[in-house]
Every structure is written in structure tokens, then in C-alpha cells.
Amino acid sequence: MRWRDETSKECQADFDSLLDEVIGLAAERIATNWGLTPFALVVDARGVKGLVGTLDDDADGVTMSDTPIRDRVVDRVASLRDEVRSVAVVSQVIPEGSKDTEIEVLLEHREFALQILVPYEMPDSTTFNLGTMRAAKSTHLVWT
């Protein structure tokens, strides 16, 4: 897949920047919490980044909704779509045919959507190893 041939320089720069930042944030959160609560990082029209979670998390992190947290993060970001130009929605998934948990990053710009899967190993509390990233064109969830 040659997604860079299909996208603007703005989209490419946003995706590169978002991916670098969210992988670091995800690794830090997994190492600290032994798990990852889904979150999003957005780039607004001026190029300023901001973190987005859900609106209905209690202070202790327990949610009051039956809707999966990742879906609520996507809904929250979609409600901001007129104010942002790019997003990265980050969660943990177990890909079909695998038994291992991976980091999933859904990158979206108004013009393109990309799914990134990153396997990882955490053999102990001080070691976090990232595997080789895999990318695939995705469907838009925010700009539908």
C-alpha cells in the first residue's frame, strides 16, 4: 500500500506525528497500568494536539455505559470533527487469528484512514518491546 501517494503533505505530517506520539503514550500506559484504556489524540485546524477520552468516565476510571470505551472515544472525536483535521484512536486488540494483544492505532484525516497494528511484548515490569508495525487502509469512523 502506498498511502503517501494518495495523501496531502498535511495528512502525511499529521499521521507521522500522531503515530510517533501515541505509540509512546500507549507503551507508557501499558507499562504503568498493565493495560490500555482507549484514548485519542487529535490535531485541530491550527495544528495543535490534544488528548480526548470519553465524557462519562468516573474519577476512578469505572464507566457507567455498556458501550465499549473505544466506541465512545470514536463517538467523542466524531462530535469534534468540525474542529479537528486529524485523529489517532488508540486501543488494544487481539487480531483475528492471533492470541496476542496488540496496539491498534486508527489514524484518520479528512482525506484518508489507516489502521496500524503494533505487536508488543512486556516480559517484565521494566521491559517493553515493540514489534514490527503493520498498516492497512481503513474505513473512516470520524468523517463518515
Protein backbone atom coordinates (compact mmCIF):
# COMPACT_ATOMS: atom_id res chain seq x y z
CA MET A 1 0.00 0.00 0.00
CA ARG A 2 1.35 3.40 -0.94
CA TRP A 3 -0.82 5.68 1.15
CA ARG A 4 1.65 8.56 0.86
CA ASP A 5 0.95 8.69 -2.90
CA GLU A 6 -2.74 9.30 -2.16
CA THR A 7 -2.48 11.88 0.62
CA SER A 8 -1.54 15.52 1.10
CA LYS A 9 1.64 16.66 2.86
CA GLU A 10 -0.54 17.85 5.75
CA CYS A 11 -2.09 14.40 6.16
CA GLN A 12 1.31 12.70 5.98
CA ALA A 13 2.85 15.05 8.55
CA ASP A 14 -0.13 14.65 10.90
CA PHE A 15 -0.07 10.85 10.65
CA ASP A 16 3.69 10.68 11.24
CA SER A 17 3.49 12.99 14.25
CA LEU A 18 0.39 11.37 15.73
CA LEU A 19 1.74 7.84 15.33
CA ASP A 20 5.06 8.68 16.97
CA GLU A 21 3.36 10.31 19.93
CA VAL A 22 0.56 7.78 20.53
CA ILE A 23 2.85 4.75 20.38
CA GLY A 24 4.93 6.30 23.14
CA LEU A 25 1.82 7.16 25.18
CA ALA A 26 0.35 3.68 24.69
CA ALA A 27 3.59 1.96 25.70
CA GLU A 28 3.85 4.14 28.80
CA ARG A 29 0.25 3.47 29.81
CA ILE A 30 0.50 -0.28 29.21
CA ALA A 31 3.71 -0.50 31.24
CA THR A 32 2.26 1.58 34.07
CA ASN A 33 -1.24 0.08 34.18
CA TRP A 34 -0.67 -3.37 32.64
CA GLY A 35 -3.38 -2.44 30.17
CA LEU A 36 -4.60 0.35 27.96
CA THR A 37 -7.81 2.34 28.24
CA PRO A 38 -8.65 3.60 24.74
CA PHE A 39 -7.90 7.25 24.04
CA ALA A 40 -7.50 9.61 21.10
CA LEU A 41 -5.02 12.28 20.17
CA VAL A 42 -6.35 14.94 17.80
CA VAL A 43 -4.82 17.69 15.68
CA ASP A 44 -7.00 20.77 15.39
CA ALA A 45 -7.20 23.10 12.40
CA ARG A 46 -4.23 25.14 13.69
CA GLY A 47 -2.06 22.05 14.15
CA VAL A 48 -2.39 21.92 17.94
CA LYS A 49 -2.65 18.45 19.53
CA GLY A 50 -4.94 17.44 22.36
CA LEU A 51 -5.94 14.25 24.16
CA VAL A 52 -9.55 13.06 24.05
CA GLY A 53 -11.20 10.46 26.24
CA THR A 54 -14.83 9.73 26.95
CA LEU A 55 -17.24 12.08 28.67
CA ASP A 56 -18.76 9.60 31.10
CA ASP A 57 -15.80 8.08 32.94
CA ASP A 58 -15.97 8.34 36.70
CA ALA A 59 -12.93 9.68 38.51
CA ASP A 60 -11.85 6.12 39.35
CA GLY A 61 -11.98 5.10 35.68
CA VAL A 62 -15.11 2.97 36.02
CA THR A 63 -17.55 3.67 33.25
CA MET A 64 -21.30 3.92 33.55
CA SER A 65 -22.05 2.77 29.97
CA ASP A 66 -22.40 -0.60 28.27
CA THR A 67 -20.90 0.82 25.06
CA PRO A 68 -17.26 -0.25 24.63
CA ILE A 69 -14.84 2.51 25.61
CA ARG A 70 -13.17 2.55 22.17
CA ASP A 71 -16.54 3.21 20.54
CA ARG A 72 -17.25 6.02 22.98
CA VAL A 73 -13.87 7.59 22.22
CA VAL A 74 -14.66 7.41 18.48
CA ASP A 75 -18.08 8.98 19.13
CA ARG A 76 -16.47 11.76 21.18
CA VAL A 77 -13.93 12.51 18.45
CA ALA A 78 -16.64 12.37 15.77
CA SER A 79 -18.53 15.05 17.70
CA LEU A 80 -15.42 17.26 17.30
CA ARG A 81 -14.87 16.56 13.59
CA ASP A 82 -15.60 20.16 12.55
CA GLU A 83 -12.84 21.37 14.88
CA VAL A 84 -10.10 18.83 14.08
CA ARG A 85 -8.27 17.78 10.94
CA SER A 86 -6.63 14.51 12.04
CA VAL A 87 -7.10 11.95 14.79
CA ALA A 88 -5.46 8.85 16.20
CA VAL A 89 -7.69 6.48 18.18
CA VAL A 90 -5.63 4.06 20.25
CA SER A 91 -6.72 0.79 21.85
CA GLN A 92 -5.62 -2.77 22.48
CA VAL A 93 -6.94 -5.54 20.24
CA ILE A 94 -6.45 -9.23 19.64
CA PRO A 95 -6.28 -9.50 15.84
CA GLU A 96 -8.23 -12.28 14.18
CA GLY A 97 -6.17 -15.46 14.08
CA SER A 98 -3.88 -14.32 16.89
CA LYS A 99 -3.75 -14.98 20.59
CA ASP A 100 -1.62 -11.96 21.40
CA THR A 101 -2.77 -8.46 22.27
CA GLU A 102 -1.53 -5.65 20.02
CA ILE A 103 -1.76 -1.88 20.00
CA GLU A 104 -4.21 -0.64 17.37
CA VAL A 105 -3.94 2.92 16.08
CA LEU A 106 -6.69 4.17 13.80
CA LEU A 107 -5.31 7.22 12.00
CA GLU A 108 -7.82 9.45 10.26
CA HIS A 109 -7.58 12.65 8.29
CA ARG A 110 -10.50 14.06 6.34
CA GLU A 111 -8.97 12.56 3.19
CA PHE A 112 -7.68 9.15 4.33
CA ALA A 113 -7.96 6.47 7.03
CA LEU A 114 -5.27 4.00 8.05
CA GLN A 115 -5.13 1.16 10.59
CA ILE A 116 -1.81 0.41 12.28
CA LEU A 117 -1.26 -2.74 14.36
CA VAL A 118 1.79 -2.94 16.62
CA PRO A 119 2.62 -6.18 18.41
CA TYR A 120 4.44 -5.85 21.70
CA GLU A 121 5.97 -7.91 24.47
CA MET A 122 6.24 -6.96 28.10
CA PRO A 123 8.22 -9.77 29.70
CA ASP A 124 8.56 -7.87 32.99
CA SER A 125 7.63 -4.54 34.54
CA THR A 126 10.72 -2.75 33.20
CA THR A 127 10.87 -4.12 29.64
CA PHE A 128 8.56 -3.10 26.79
CA ASN A 129 9.43 -4.36 23.30
CA LEU A 130 7.60 -3.19 20.18
CA GLY A 131 7.31 -5.49 17.19
CA THR A 132 7.04 -4.63 13.51
CA MET A 133 4.13 -2.34 12.64
CA ARG A 134 1.59 -3.43 10.04
CA ALA A 135 -0.52 -0.91 8.15
CA ALA A 136 -3.71 -1.26 6.13
CA LYS A 137 -6.12 1.18 4.56
CA SER A 138 -9.13 1.58 6.81
CA THR A 139 -12.64 2.96 6.64
CA HIS A 140 -13.43 6.34 8.12
CA LEU A 141 -15.08 6.28 11.54
CA VAL A 142 -14.89 10.00 12.28
CA TRP A 143 -15.51 11.51 8.84
CA THR A 144 -18.17 9.12 7.55
